[in-house]
Amino acid sequence: MATILIIGCGDLGSAVALQLAQLGHRVVGVRRSATPLTNVEMIQADVTHPETLDKLAKIQPDILVYCVAANGQTDAHYKAAYVDGLRNVIATQVNNTALKQVFFVSSTRVYGQVTDAVLDENTPAIAADFGGERLLEAERLLEGLTCGHTALRLSGIYGPRRLRMIHLAKTPALWPAQNSWTNRIHRDDAAAFLVFLVQKVLHQTPIAPCYIVTDAKPVSQYEVLQWLALQLNIAFNAHVPVIQSGKRLSNRALLATGFQLQYSDYRAGYAALLALNAD
């Protein structure tokens, strides 16, 4: 049994924590609220306030998962959550000789370039805004660790509590005037992949320092909206604007680990969500 410390038990972090607890590991979760989580030892703390993190030094985890979300879409919020917060947490583990791996949940926002090429982990990440820049700054903090470290660059997450595209599809008048390439990953697949990698580390199987975590089908935003509208019997204008922005991302490195996606494309994932919401 390993001890796994998960910093940030929101939607994704909680899903990871519950799966790892079900596998028999000791899981310690950290979040700002006092809300309990089944079979998970919870600590109420705030990564932006180092004085609340004292308890973390005593845990001595084998694996640390940093999975927080910024409180707002400003540079200050991103710096506090991803850069300062990660630095504060790492500081609690300087004397932890048991620590094998740190996972940092990043984002494909680090790829700010607009191109027709399909991007992968070998493509230089060129941030185009403060969000991408701060995430890259946080990823660079991992390079100073003496243990293993992996940045997980997640594309757009959707799932039971992330229904933005379904809600948008119901109101065609609000669809964006500009079409774009989009990439997405179902919350359950993102959580399962992280658990899969944790297990690999615990079995001393090498993993890469970076993975793009996305499904197998980059697609235009309008394709998704029109498909959803058809499933929902919503009338819409069949006109499809030319794709003018966005990027396409490859998940070949993810699949090369042997991991199998439950939802390989948006149709599989959203079909399951629509069936769930219909019950």
C-alpha atoms as a PDB file:
ATOM      1  CA  MET A   1       0.000   0.000   0.000  1.00  0.00           C
ATOM      2  CA  ALA A   2       1.368   3.391  -1.019  1.00  0.00           C
ATOM      3  CA  THR A   3       0.628   6.778   0.477  1.00  0.00           C
ATOM      4  CA  ILE A   4      -0.626   9.239  -2.125  1.00  0.00           C
ATOM      5  CA  LEU A   5      -1.094  12.946  -1.425  1.00  0.00           C
ATOM      6  CA  ILE A   6      -3.533  14.748  -3.706  1.00  0.00           C
ATOM      7  CA  ILE A   7      -3.437  18.524  -3.606  1.00  0.00           C
ATOM      8  CA  GLY A   8      -6.738  19.819  -4.923  1.00  0.00           C
ATOM      9  CA  CYS A   9      -9.750  17.553  -4.558  1.00  0.00           C
ATOM     10  CA  GLY A  10     -12.203  19.189  -6.892  1.00  0.00           C
ATOM     11  CA  ASP A  11     -14.004  17.332  -9.662  1.00  0.00           C
ATOM     12  CA  LEU A  12     -10.918  15.699 -11.186  1.00  0.00           C
ATOM     13  CA  GLY A  13      -8.852  15.356  -8.020  1.00  0.00           C
ATOM     14  CA  SER A  14     -11.723  13.717  -6.161  1.00  0.00           C
ATOM     15  CA  ALA A  15     -12.226  11.201  -8.967  1.00  0.00           C
ATOM     16  CA  VAL A  16      -8.525  10.302  -8.809  1.00  0.00           C
ATOM     17  CA  ALA A  17      -8.577  10.067  -5.007  1.00  0.00           C
ATOM     18  CA  LEU A  18     -11.600   7.756  -4.951  1.00  0.00           C
ATOM     19  CA  GLN A  19     -10.119   5.411  -7.554  1.00  0.00           C
ATOM     20  CA  LEU A  20      -6.807   5.170  -5.724  1.00  0.00           C
ATOM     21  CA  ALA A  21      -8.562   4.545  -2.399  1.00  0.00           C
ATOM     22  CA  GLN A  22     -10.558   1.742  -4.020  1.00  0.00           C
ATOM     23  CA  LEU A  23      -7.252   0.161  -5.083  1.00  0.00           C
ATOM     24  CA  GLY A  24      -6.263  -0.026  -1.430  1.00  0.00           C
ATOM     25  CA  HIS A  25      -3.852   2.872  -1.195  1.00  0.00           C
ATOM     26  CA  ARG A  26      -3.732   5.356   1.640  1.00  0.00           C
ATOM     27  CA  VAL A  27      -4.964   8.573   0.071  1.00  0.00           C
ATOM     28  CA  VAL A  28      -4.650  11.979   1.709  1.00  0.00           C
ATOM     29  CA  GLY A  29      -6.522  14.833   0.056  1.00  0.00           C
ATOM     30  CA  VAL A  30      -6.109  18.573   0.475  1.00  0.00           C
ATOM     31  CA  ARG A  31      -8.691  21.185  -0.359  1.00  0.00           C
ATOM     32  CA  ARG A  32      -9.933  24.522   0.914  1.00  0.00           C
ATOM     33  CA  SER A  33     -13.306  23.253   2.111  1.00  0.00           C
ATOM     34  CA  ALA A  34     -13.973  20.848   4.968  1.00  0.00           C
ATOM     35  CA  THR A  35     -16.124  18.578   2.784  1.00  0.00           C
ATOM     36  CA  PRO A  36     -15.279  14.897   3.465  1.00  0.00           C
ATOM     37  CA  LEU A  37     -14.474  12.316   0.791  1.00  0.00           C
ATOM     38  CA  THR A  38     -15.181   8.606   1.244  1.00  0.00           C
ATOM     39  CA  ASN A  39     -12.125   6.582   2.339  1.00  0.00           C
ATOM     40  CA  VAL A  40      -9.846   9.610   1.900  1.00  0.00           C
ATOM     41  CA  GLU A  41      -8.078  11.402   4.748  1.00  0.00           C
ATOM     42  CA  MET A  42      -8.911  15.061   4.206  1.00  0.00           C
ATOM     43  CA  ILE A  43      -6.879  18.098   5.225  1.00  0.00           C
ATOM     44  CA  GLN A  44      -8.368  21.559   4.988  1.00  0.00           C
ATOM     45  CA  ALA A  45      -5.698  23.905   3.678  1.00  0.00           C
ATOM     46  CA  ASP A  46      -4.969  26.542   1.039  1.00  0.00           C
ATOM     47  CA  VAL A  47      -1.873  26.209  -1.137  1.00  0.00           C
ATOM     48  CA  THR A  48      -1.598  29.990  -1.370  1.00  0.00           C
ATOM     49  CA  HIS A  49      -1.194  30.204   2.427  1.00  0.00           C
ATOM     50  CA  PRO A  50       1.953  28.239   3.402  1.00  0.00           C
ATOM     51  CA  GLU A  51       1.101  28.400   7.110  1.00  0.00           C
ATOM     52  CA  THR A  52      -1.864  26.068   6.468  1.00  0.00           C
ATOM     53  CA  LEU A  53       0.365  23.372   4.918  1.00  0.00           C
ATOM     54  CA  ASP A  54       2.376  22.358   7.993  1.00  0.00           C
ATOM     55  CA  LYS A  55       0.636  18.973   8.264  1.00  0.00           C
ATOM     56  CA  LEU A  56       1.859  17.917   4.810  1.00  0.00           C
ATOM     57  CA  ALA A  57       5.466  17.490   5.975  1.00  0.00           C
ATOM     58  CA  LYS A  58       4.416  14.662   8.303  1.00  0.00           C
ATOM     59  CA  ILE A  59       2.613  12.630   5.642  1.00  0.00           C
ATOM     60  CA  GLN A  60       5.702  11.498   3.695  1.00  0.00           C
ATOM     61  CA  PRO A  61       3.800  10.407   0.556  1.00  0.00           C
ATOM     62  CA  ASP A  62       5.207   8.075  -2.077  1.00  0.00           C
ATOM     63  CA  ILE A  63       3.331   9.998  -4.774  1.00  0.00           C
ATOM     64  CA  LEU A  64       2.244  13.639  -4.871  1.00  0.00           C
ATOM     65  CA  VAL A  65      -0.483  14.799  -7.282  1.00  0.00           C
ATOM     66  CA  TYR A  66      -0.917  18.553  -7.715  1.00  0.00           C
ATOM     67  CA  CYS A  67      -4.369  19.128  -9.196  1.00  0.00           C
ATOM     68  CA  VAL A  68      -5.592  22.594  -8.258  1.00  0.00           C
ATOM     69  CA  ALA A  69      -7.699  25.126 -10.138  1.00  0.00           C
ATOM     70  CA  ALA A  70      -7.135  28.866 -10.192  1.00  0.00           C
ATOM     71  CA  ASN A  71      -9.793  30.994  -8.520  1.00  0.00           C
ATOM     72  CA  GLY A  72     -10.066  33.312 -11.507  1.00  0.00           C
ATOM     73  CA  GLN A  73      -8.865  34.079 -15.017  1.00  0.00           C
ATOM     74  CA  THR A  74      -6.174  36.632 -14.185  1.00  0.00           C
ATOM     75  CA  ASP A  75      -2.407  36.451 -14.118  1.00  0.00           C
ATOM     76  CA  ALA A  76      -2.406  36.958 -10.347  1.00  0.00           C
ATOM     77  CA  HIS A  77      -4.808  34.043  -9.841  1.00  0.00           C
ATOM     78  CA  TYR A  78      -2.754  31.746 -12.065  1.00  0.00           C
ATOM     79  CA  LYS A  79       0.527  32.691 -10.416  1.00  0.00           C
ATOM     80  CA  ALA A  80      -0.937  32.109  -6.936  1.00  0.00           C
ATOM     81  CA  ALA A  81      -2.521  28.736  -7.735  1.00  0.00           C
ATOM     82  CA  TYR A  82      -0.032  27.130 -10.085  1.00  0.00           C
ATOM     83  CA  VAL A  83       3.358  28.698  -9.402  1.00  0.00           C
ATOM     84  CA  ASP A  84       3.334  29.883  -5.801  1.00  0.00           C
ATOM     85  CA  GLY A  85       1.024  27.092  -4.676  1.00  0.00           C
ATOM     86  CA  LEU A  86       3.137  24.345  -6.236  1.00  0.00           C
ATOM     87  CA  ARG A  87       6.306  25.887  -4.809  1.00  0.00           C
ATOM     88  CA  ASN A  88       4.710  26.009  -1.340  1.00  0.00           C
ATOM     89  CA  VAL A  89       3.683  22.360  -1.500  1.00  0.00           C
ATOM     90  CA  ILE A  90       7.058  21.190  -2.804  1.00  0.00           C
ATOM     91  CA  ALA A  91       8.692  23.011   0.113  1.00  0.00           C
ATOM     92  CA  THR A  92       6.827  20.734   2.546  1.00  0.00           C
ATOM     93  CA  GLN A  93       8.475  17.660   0.995  1.00  0.00           C
ATOM     94  CA  VAL A  94      12.155  18.640   1.027  1.00  0.00           C
ATOM     95  CA  ASN A  95      12.905  16.032   3.700  1.00  0.00           C
ATOM     96  CA  ASN A  96      10.739  13.303   2.206  1.00  0.00           C
ATOM     97  CA  THR A  97      13.080  10.563   1.013  1.00  0.00           C
ATOM     98  CA  ALA A  98      10.120   8.306   0.178  1.00  0.00           C
ATOM     99  CA  LEU A  99       8.783  10.594  -2.558  1.00  0.00           C
ATOM    100  CA  LYS A 100       8.986   8.790  -5.897  1.00  0.00           C
ATOM    101  CA  GLN A 101       6.985  10.990  -8.264  1.00  0.00           C
ATOM    102  CA  VAL A 102       5.258  14.357  -8.513  1.00  0.00           C
ATOM    103  CA  PHE A 103       2.402  14.746 -10.997  1.00  0.00           C
ATOM    104  CA  PHE A 104       1.425  18.269 -12.009  1.00  0.00           C
ATOM    105  CA  VAL A 105      -1.929  18.663 -13.752  1.00  0.00           C
ATOM    106  CA  SER A 106      -1.232  21.293 -16.384  1.00  0.00           C
ATOM    107  CA  SER A 107      -3.140  22.264 -19.513  1.00  0.00           C
ATOM    108  CA  THR A 108      -2.778  22.299 -23.278  1.00  0.00           C
ATOM    109  CA  ARG A 109      -3.172  26.062 -22.893  1.00  0.00           C
ATOM    110  CA  VAL A 110       0.646  26.028 -22.937  1.00  0.00           C
ATOM    111  CA  TYR A 111       0.378  25.541 -26.715  1.00  0.00           C
ATOM    112  CA  GLY A 112      -0.587  29.026 -27.854  1.00  0.00           C
ATOM    113  CA  GLN A 113       0.376  28.615 -31.489  1.00  0.00           C
ATOM    114  CA  VAL A 114      -2.239  28.498 -34.243  1.00  0.00           C
ATOM    115  CA  THR A 115      -1.195  25.989 -36.896  1.00  0.00           C
ATOM    116  CA  ASP A 116      -2.533  23.314 -39.211  1.00  0.00           C
ATOM    117  CA  ALA A 117       0.063  20.874 -37.865  1.00  0.00           C
ATOM    118  CA  VAL A 118      -0.863  18.251 -35.266  1.00  0.00           C
ATOM    119  CA  LEU A 119       1.014  19.072 -32.063  1.00  0.00           C
ATOM    120  CA  ASP A 120       2.545  16.527 -29.683  1.00  0.00           C
ATOM    121  CA  GLU A 121       4.897  16.416 -26.697  1.00  0.00           C
ATOM    122  CA  ASN A 122       7.894  17.073 -28.963  1.00  0.00           C
ATOM    123  CA  THR A 123       6.380  20.338 -30.185  1.00  0.00           C
ATOM    124  CA  PRO A 124       7.800  23.352 -28.321  1.00  0.00           C
ATOM    125  CA  ALA A 125       5.125  24.837 -26.062  1.00  0.00           C
ATOM    126  CA  ILE A 126       4.776  28.500 -27.028  1.00  0.00           C
ATOM    127  CA  ALA A 127       2.363  30.227 -24.678  1.00  0.00           C
ATOM    128  CA  ALA A 128       0.194  32.984 -26.099  1.00  0.00           C
ATOM    129  CA  ASP A 129      -1.277  34.341 -22.868  1.00  0.00           C
ATOM    130  CA  PHE A 130      -0.648  34.662 -19.141  1.00  0.00           C
ATOM    131  CA  GLY A 131      -2.328  31.334 -18.417  1.00  0.00           C
ATOM    132  CA  GLY A 132      -0.017  29.358 -20.650  1.00  0.00           C
ATOM    133  CA  GLU A 133       3.015  31.257 -19.402  1.00  0.00           C
ATOM    134  CA  ARG A 134       2.225  30.590 -15.717  1.00  0.00           C
ATOM    135  CA  LEU A 135       1.553  26.911 -16.358  1.00  0.00           C
ATOM    136  CA  LEU A 136       4.912  26.582 -18.090  1.00  0.00           C
ATOM    137  CA  GLU A 137       6.552  28.400 -15.192  1.00  0.00           C
ATOM    138  CA  ALA A 138       4.996  25.877 -12.820  1.00  0.00           C
ATOM    139  CA  GLU A 139       6.127  22.960 -15.002  1.00  0.00           C
ATOM    140  CA  ARG A 140       9.698  24.281 -14.830  1.00  0.00           C
ATOM    141  CA  LEU A 141       9.569  24.048 -11.034  1.00  0.00           C
ATOM    142  CA  LEU A 142       9.398  20.274 -11.440  1.00  0.00           C
ATOM    143  CA  GLU A 143      12.832  20.266 -13.059  1.00  0.00           C
ATOM    144  CA  GLY A 144      14.411  21.092  -9.713  1.00  0.00           C
ATOM    145  CA  LEU A 145      13.083  17.936  -8.056  1.00  0.00           C
ATOM    146  CA  THR A 146      15.322  14.983  -7.267  1.00  0.00           C
ATOM    147  CA  CYS A 147      12.437  12.531  -7.701  1.00  0.00           C
ATOM    148  CA  GLY A 148      10.491  11.679 -10.842  1.00  0.00           C
ATOM    149  CA  HIS A 149       8.062  14.239 -12.206  1.00  0.00           C
ATOM    150  CA  THR A 150       5.414  14.366 -14.920  1.00  0.00           C
ATOM    151  CA  ALA A 151       3.371  17.233 -16.309  1.00  0.00           C
ATOM    152  CA  LEU A 152      -0.047  16.200 -17.582  1.00  0.00           C
ATOM    153  CA  ARG A 153      -1.269  18.684 -20.170  1.00  0.00           C
ATOM    154  CA  LEU A 154      -5.025  18.192 -20.227  1.00  0.00           C
ATOM    155  CA  SER A 155      -7.184  19.447 -23.073  1.00  0.00           C
ATOM    156  CA  GLY A 156     -10.741  20.673 -22.460  1.00  0.00           C
ATOM    157  CA  ILE A 157     -12.315  18.540 -19.748  1.00  0.00           C
ATOM    158  CA  TYR A 158     -15.972  17.580 -19.969  1.00  0.00           C
ATOM    159  CA  GLY A 159     -18.059  15.221 -17.876  1.00  0.00           C
ATOM    160  CA  PRO A 160     -21.012  14.934 -15.499  1.00  0.00           C
ATOM    161  CA  ARG A 161     -20.271  18.305 -13.894  1.00  0.00           C
ATOM    162  CA  ARG A 162     -18.863  19.953 -17.018  1.00  0.00           C
ATOM    163  CA  LEU A 163     -21.729  20.332 -19.483  1.00  0.00           C
ATOM    164  CA  ARG A 164     -20.895  23.680 -21.106  1.00  0.00           C
ATOM    165  CA  MET A 165     -21.039  22.401 -24.697  1.00  0.00           C
ATOM    166  CA  ILE A 166     -24.372  20.664 -24.109  1.00  0.00           C
ATOM    167  CA  HIS A 167     -25.863  23.851 -22.691  1.00  0.00           C
ATOM    168  CA  LEU A 168     -24.451  25.880 -25.596  1.00  0.00           C
ATOM    169  CA  ALA A 169     -25.815  23.429 -28.162  1.00  0.00           C
ATOM    170  CA  LYS A 170     -29.321  24.061 -26.836  1.00  0.00           C
ATOM    171  CA  THR A 171     -29.115  27.744 -27.856  1.00  0.00           C
ATOM    172  CA  PRO A 172     -27.851  28.030 -31.464  1.00  0.00           C
ATOM    173  CA  ALA A 173     -28.276  31.817 -31.354  1.00  0.00           C
ATOM    174  CA  LEU A 174     -25.335  31.917 -28.940  1.00  0.00           C
ATOM    175  CA  TRP A 175     -23.005  29.760 -31.012  1.00  0.00           C
ATOM    176  CA  PRO A 176     -19.733  31.589 -31.761  1.00  0.00           C
ATOM    177  CA  ALA A 177     -19.423  33.364 -35.083  1.00  0.00           C
ATOM    178  CA  GLN A 178     -15.936  31.911 -35.531  1.00  0.00           C
ATOM    179  CA  ASN A 179     -15.289  28.198 -35.865  1.00  0.00           C
ATOM    180  CA  SER A 180     -12.174  26.658 -34.306  1.00  0.00           C
ATOM    181  CA  TRP A 181     -10.325  23.410 -33.738  1.00  0.00           C
ATOM    182  CA  THR A 182     -11.001  21.905 -30.318  1.00  0.00           C
ATOM    183  CA  ASN A 183      -9.588  19.054 -28.252  1.00  0.00           C
ATOM    184  CA  ARG A 184     -11.223  17.412 -25.257  1.00  0.00           C
ATOM    185  CA  ILE A 185     -10.919  14.665 -22.663  1.00  0.00           C
ATOM    186  CA  HIS A 186     -13.670  13.108 -20.579  1.00  0.00           C
ATOM    187  CA  ARG A 187     -13.148  13.629 -16.861  1.00  0.00           C
ATOM    188  CA  ASP A 188     -13.305   9.883 -16.232  1.00  0.00           C
ATOM    189  CA  ASP A 189     -10.579   9.171 -18.796  1.00  0.00           C
ATOM    190  CA  ALA A 190      -8.353  11.934 -17.391  1.00  0.00           C
ATOM    191  CA  ALA A 191      -8.726  10.524 -13.870  1.00  0.00           C
ATOM    192  CA  ALA A 192      -8.201   6.928 -15.015  1.00  0.00           C
ATOM    193  CA  PHE A 193      -5.037   7.843 -16.921  1.00  0.00           C
ATOM    194  CA  LEU A 194      -3.560   9.559 -13.886  1.00  0.00           C
ATOM    195  CA  VAL A 195      -4.331   6.505 -11.748  1.00  0.00           C
ATOM    196  CA  PHE A 196      -2.818   4.297 -14.477  1.00  0.00           C
ATOM    197  CA  LEU A 197       0.428   6.299 -14.348  1.00  0.00           C
ATOM    198  CA  VAL A 198       0.530   6.203 -10.548  1.00  0.00           C
ATOM    199  CA  GLN A 199       0.316   2.434 -10.714  1.00  0.00           C
ATOM    200  CA  LYS A 200       3.136   2.322 -13.263  1.00  0.00           C
ATOM    201  CA  VAL A 201       5.382   4.367 -10.973  1.00  0.00           C
ATOM    202  CA  LEU A 202       4.595   2.133  -8.011  1.00  0.00           C
ATOM    203  CA  HIS A 203       5.509  -0.889 -10.139  1.00  0.00           C
ATOM    204  CA  GLN A 204       8.763   0.845 -11.108  1.00  0.00           C
ATOM    205  CA  THR A 205       7.781   1.147 -14.762  1.00  0.00           C
ATOM    206  CA  PRO A 206       9.324   4.219 -16.447  1.00  0.00           C
ATOM    207  CA  ILE A 207       6.968   6.972 -17.584  1.00  0.00           C
ATOM    208  CA  ALA A 208       7.572  10.166 -19.550  1.00  0.00           C
ATOM    209  CA  PRO A 209       8.035  13.641 -18.048  1.00  0.00           C
ATOM    210  CA  CYS A 210       5.115  15.003 -20.080  1.00  0.00           C
ATOM    211  CA  TYR A 211       1.886  13.729 -21.630  1.00  0.00           C
ATOM    212  CA  ILE A 212      -0.808  15.453 -23.636  1.00  0.00           C
ATOM    213  CA  VAL A 213      -4.035  14.093 -22.170  1.00  0.00           C
ATOM    214  CA  THR A 214      -6.701  14.301 -24.844  1.00  0.00           C
ATOM    215  CA  ASP A 215      -8.986  11.965 -26.759  1.00  0.00           C
ATOM    216  CA  ALA A 216      -8.291  10.529 -30.194  1.00  0.00           C
ATOM    217  CA  LYS A 217     -10.273  13.017 -32.293  1.00  0.00           C
ATOM    218  CA  PRO A 218      -9.467  16.730 -32.583  1.00  0.00           C
ATOM    219  CA  VAL A 219     -12.579  18.267 -34.064  1.00  0.00           C
ATOM    220  CA  SER A 220     -14.109  21.601 -34.995  1.00  0.00           C
ATOM    221  CA  GLN A 221     -16.322  23.280 -32.442  1.00  0.00           C
ATOM    222  CA  TYR A 222     -19.203  23.427 -34.911  1.00  0.00           C
ATOM    223  CA  GLU A 223     -19.067  19.687 -35.560  1.00  0.00           C
ATOM    224  CA  VAL A 224     -19.575  19.055 -31.849  1.00  0.00           C
ATOM    225  CA  LEU A 225     -22.344  21.650 -31.505  1.00  0.00           C
ATOM    226  CA  GLN A 226     -24.259  20.410 -34.546  1.00  0.00           C
ATOM    227  CA  TRP A 227     -23.954  16.773 -33.461  1.00  0.00           C
ATOM    228  CA  LEU A 228     -25.236  17.637 -29.989  1.00  0.00           C
ATOM    229  CA  ALA A 229     -28.086  19.682 -31.409  1.00  0.00           C
ATOM    230  CA  LEU A 230     -29.159  16.736 -33.550  1.00  0.00           C
ATOM    231  CA  GLN A 231     -29.172  14.444 -30.524  1.00  0.00           C
ATOM    232  CA  LEU A 232     -31.238  17.009 -28.604  1.00  0.00           C
ATOM    233  CA  ASN A 233     -33.654  17.678 -31.516  1.00  0.00           C
ATOM    234  CA  ILE A 234     -32.638  21.338 -31.559  1.00  0.00           C
ATOM    235  CA  ALA A 235     -33.096  23.196 -34.858  1.00  0.00           C
ATOM    236  CA  PHE A 236     -30.005  25.036 -36.107  1.00  0.00           C
ATOM    237  CA  ASN A 237     -28.587  26.792 -39.144  1.00  0.00           C
ATOM    238  CA  ALA A 238     -26.603  24.232 -41.149  1.00  0.00           C
ATOM    239  CA  HIS A 239     -24.004  26.838 -42.139  1.00  0.00           C
ATOM    240  CA  VAL A 240     -20.518  25.980 -40.842  1.00  0.00           C
ATOM    241  CA  PRO A 241     -18.032  28.860 -40.554  1.00  0.00           C
ATOM    242  CA  VAL A 242     -14.501  28.306 -41.799  1.00  0.00           C
ATOM    243  CA  ILE A 243     -12.076  27.145 -39.114  1.00  0.00           C
ATOM    244  CA  GLN A 244      -9.942  30.170 -38.276  1.00  0.00           C
ATOM    245  CA  SER A 245      -8.262  29.326 -34.995  1.00  0.00           C
ATOM    246  CA  GLY A 246      -7.363  26.622 -32.485  1.00  0.00           C
ATOM    247  CA  LYS A 247      -5.032  23.656 -32.704  1.00  0.00           C
ATOM    248  CA  ARG A 248      -5.069  19.895 -33.093  1.00  0.00           C
ATOM    249  CA  LEU A 249      -3.352  17.732 -30.502  1.00  0.00           C
ATOM    250  CA  SER A 250      -2.029  14.177 -30.671  1.00  0.00           C
ATOM    251  CA  ASN A 251      -2.538  11.583 -27.923  1.00  0.00           C
ATOM    252  CA  ARG A 252      -0.100   9.041 -29.390  1.00  0.00           C
ATOM    253  CA  ALA A 253       2.174   9.171 -26.338  1.00  0.00           C
ATOM    254  CA  LEU A 254      -0.783   8.523 -24.044  1.00  0.00           C
ATOM    255  CA  LEU A 255      -1.911   5.524 -26.087  1.00  0.00           C
ATOM    256  CA  ALA A 256       1.669   4.217 -26.301  1.00  0.00           C
ATOM    257  CA  THR A 257       1.603   3.631 -22.526  1.00  0.00           C
ATOM    258  CA  GLY A 258      -0.994   0.902 -23.069  1.00  0.00           C
ATOM    259  CA  PHE A 259      -3.812   2.978 -21.593  1.00  0.00           C
ATOM    260  CA  GLN A 260      -7.205   2.513 -23.244  1.00  0.00           C
ATOM    261  CA  LEU A 261      -9.642   5.405 -23.415  1.00  0.00           C
ATOM    262  CA  GLN A 262     -13.205   4.699 -22.365  1.00  0.00           C
ATOM    263  CA  TYR A 263     -14.367   7.599 -24.545  1.00  0.00           C
ATOM    264  CA  SER A 264     -12.162   7.793 -27.628  1.00  0.00           C
ATOM    265  CA  ASP A 265     -14.007  10.739 -29.161  1.00  0.00           C
ATOM    266  CA  TYR A 266     -16.656  13.341 -28.369  1.00  0.00           C
ATOM    267  CA  ARG A 267     -19.523  11.195 -29.684  1.00  0.00           C
ATOM    268  CA  ALA A 268     -18.841   8.392 -27.211  1.00  0.00           C
ATOM    269  CA  GLY A 269     -18.395  10.752 -24.296  1.00  0.00           C
ATOM    270  CA  TYR A 270     -21.332  13.041 -24.941  1.00  0.00           C
ATOM    271  CA  ALA A 271     -23.645  10.142 -25.815  1.00  0.00           C
ATOM    272  CA  ALA A 272     -22.982   8.745 -22.328  1.00  0.00           C
ATOM    273  CA  LEU A 273     -23.625  12.153 -20.739  1.00  0.00           C
ATOM    274  CA  LEU A 274     -26.864  12.672 -22.673  1.00  0.00           C
ATOM    275  CA  ALA A 275     -28.078   9.203 -21.623  1.00  0.00           C
ATOM    276  CA  LEU A 276     -27.161   9.976 -18.012  1.00  0.00           C
ATOM    277  CA  ASN A 277     -29.034  13.281 -18.036  1.00  0.00           C
ATOM    278  CA  ALA A 278     -32.050  11.656 -19.678  1.00  0.00           C
ATOM    279  CA  ASP A 279     -32.531   9.221 -16.770  1.00  0.00           C
END
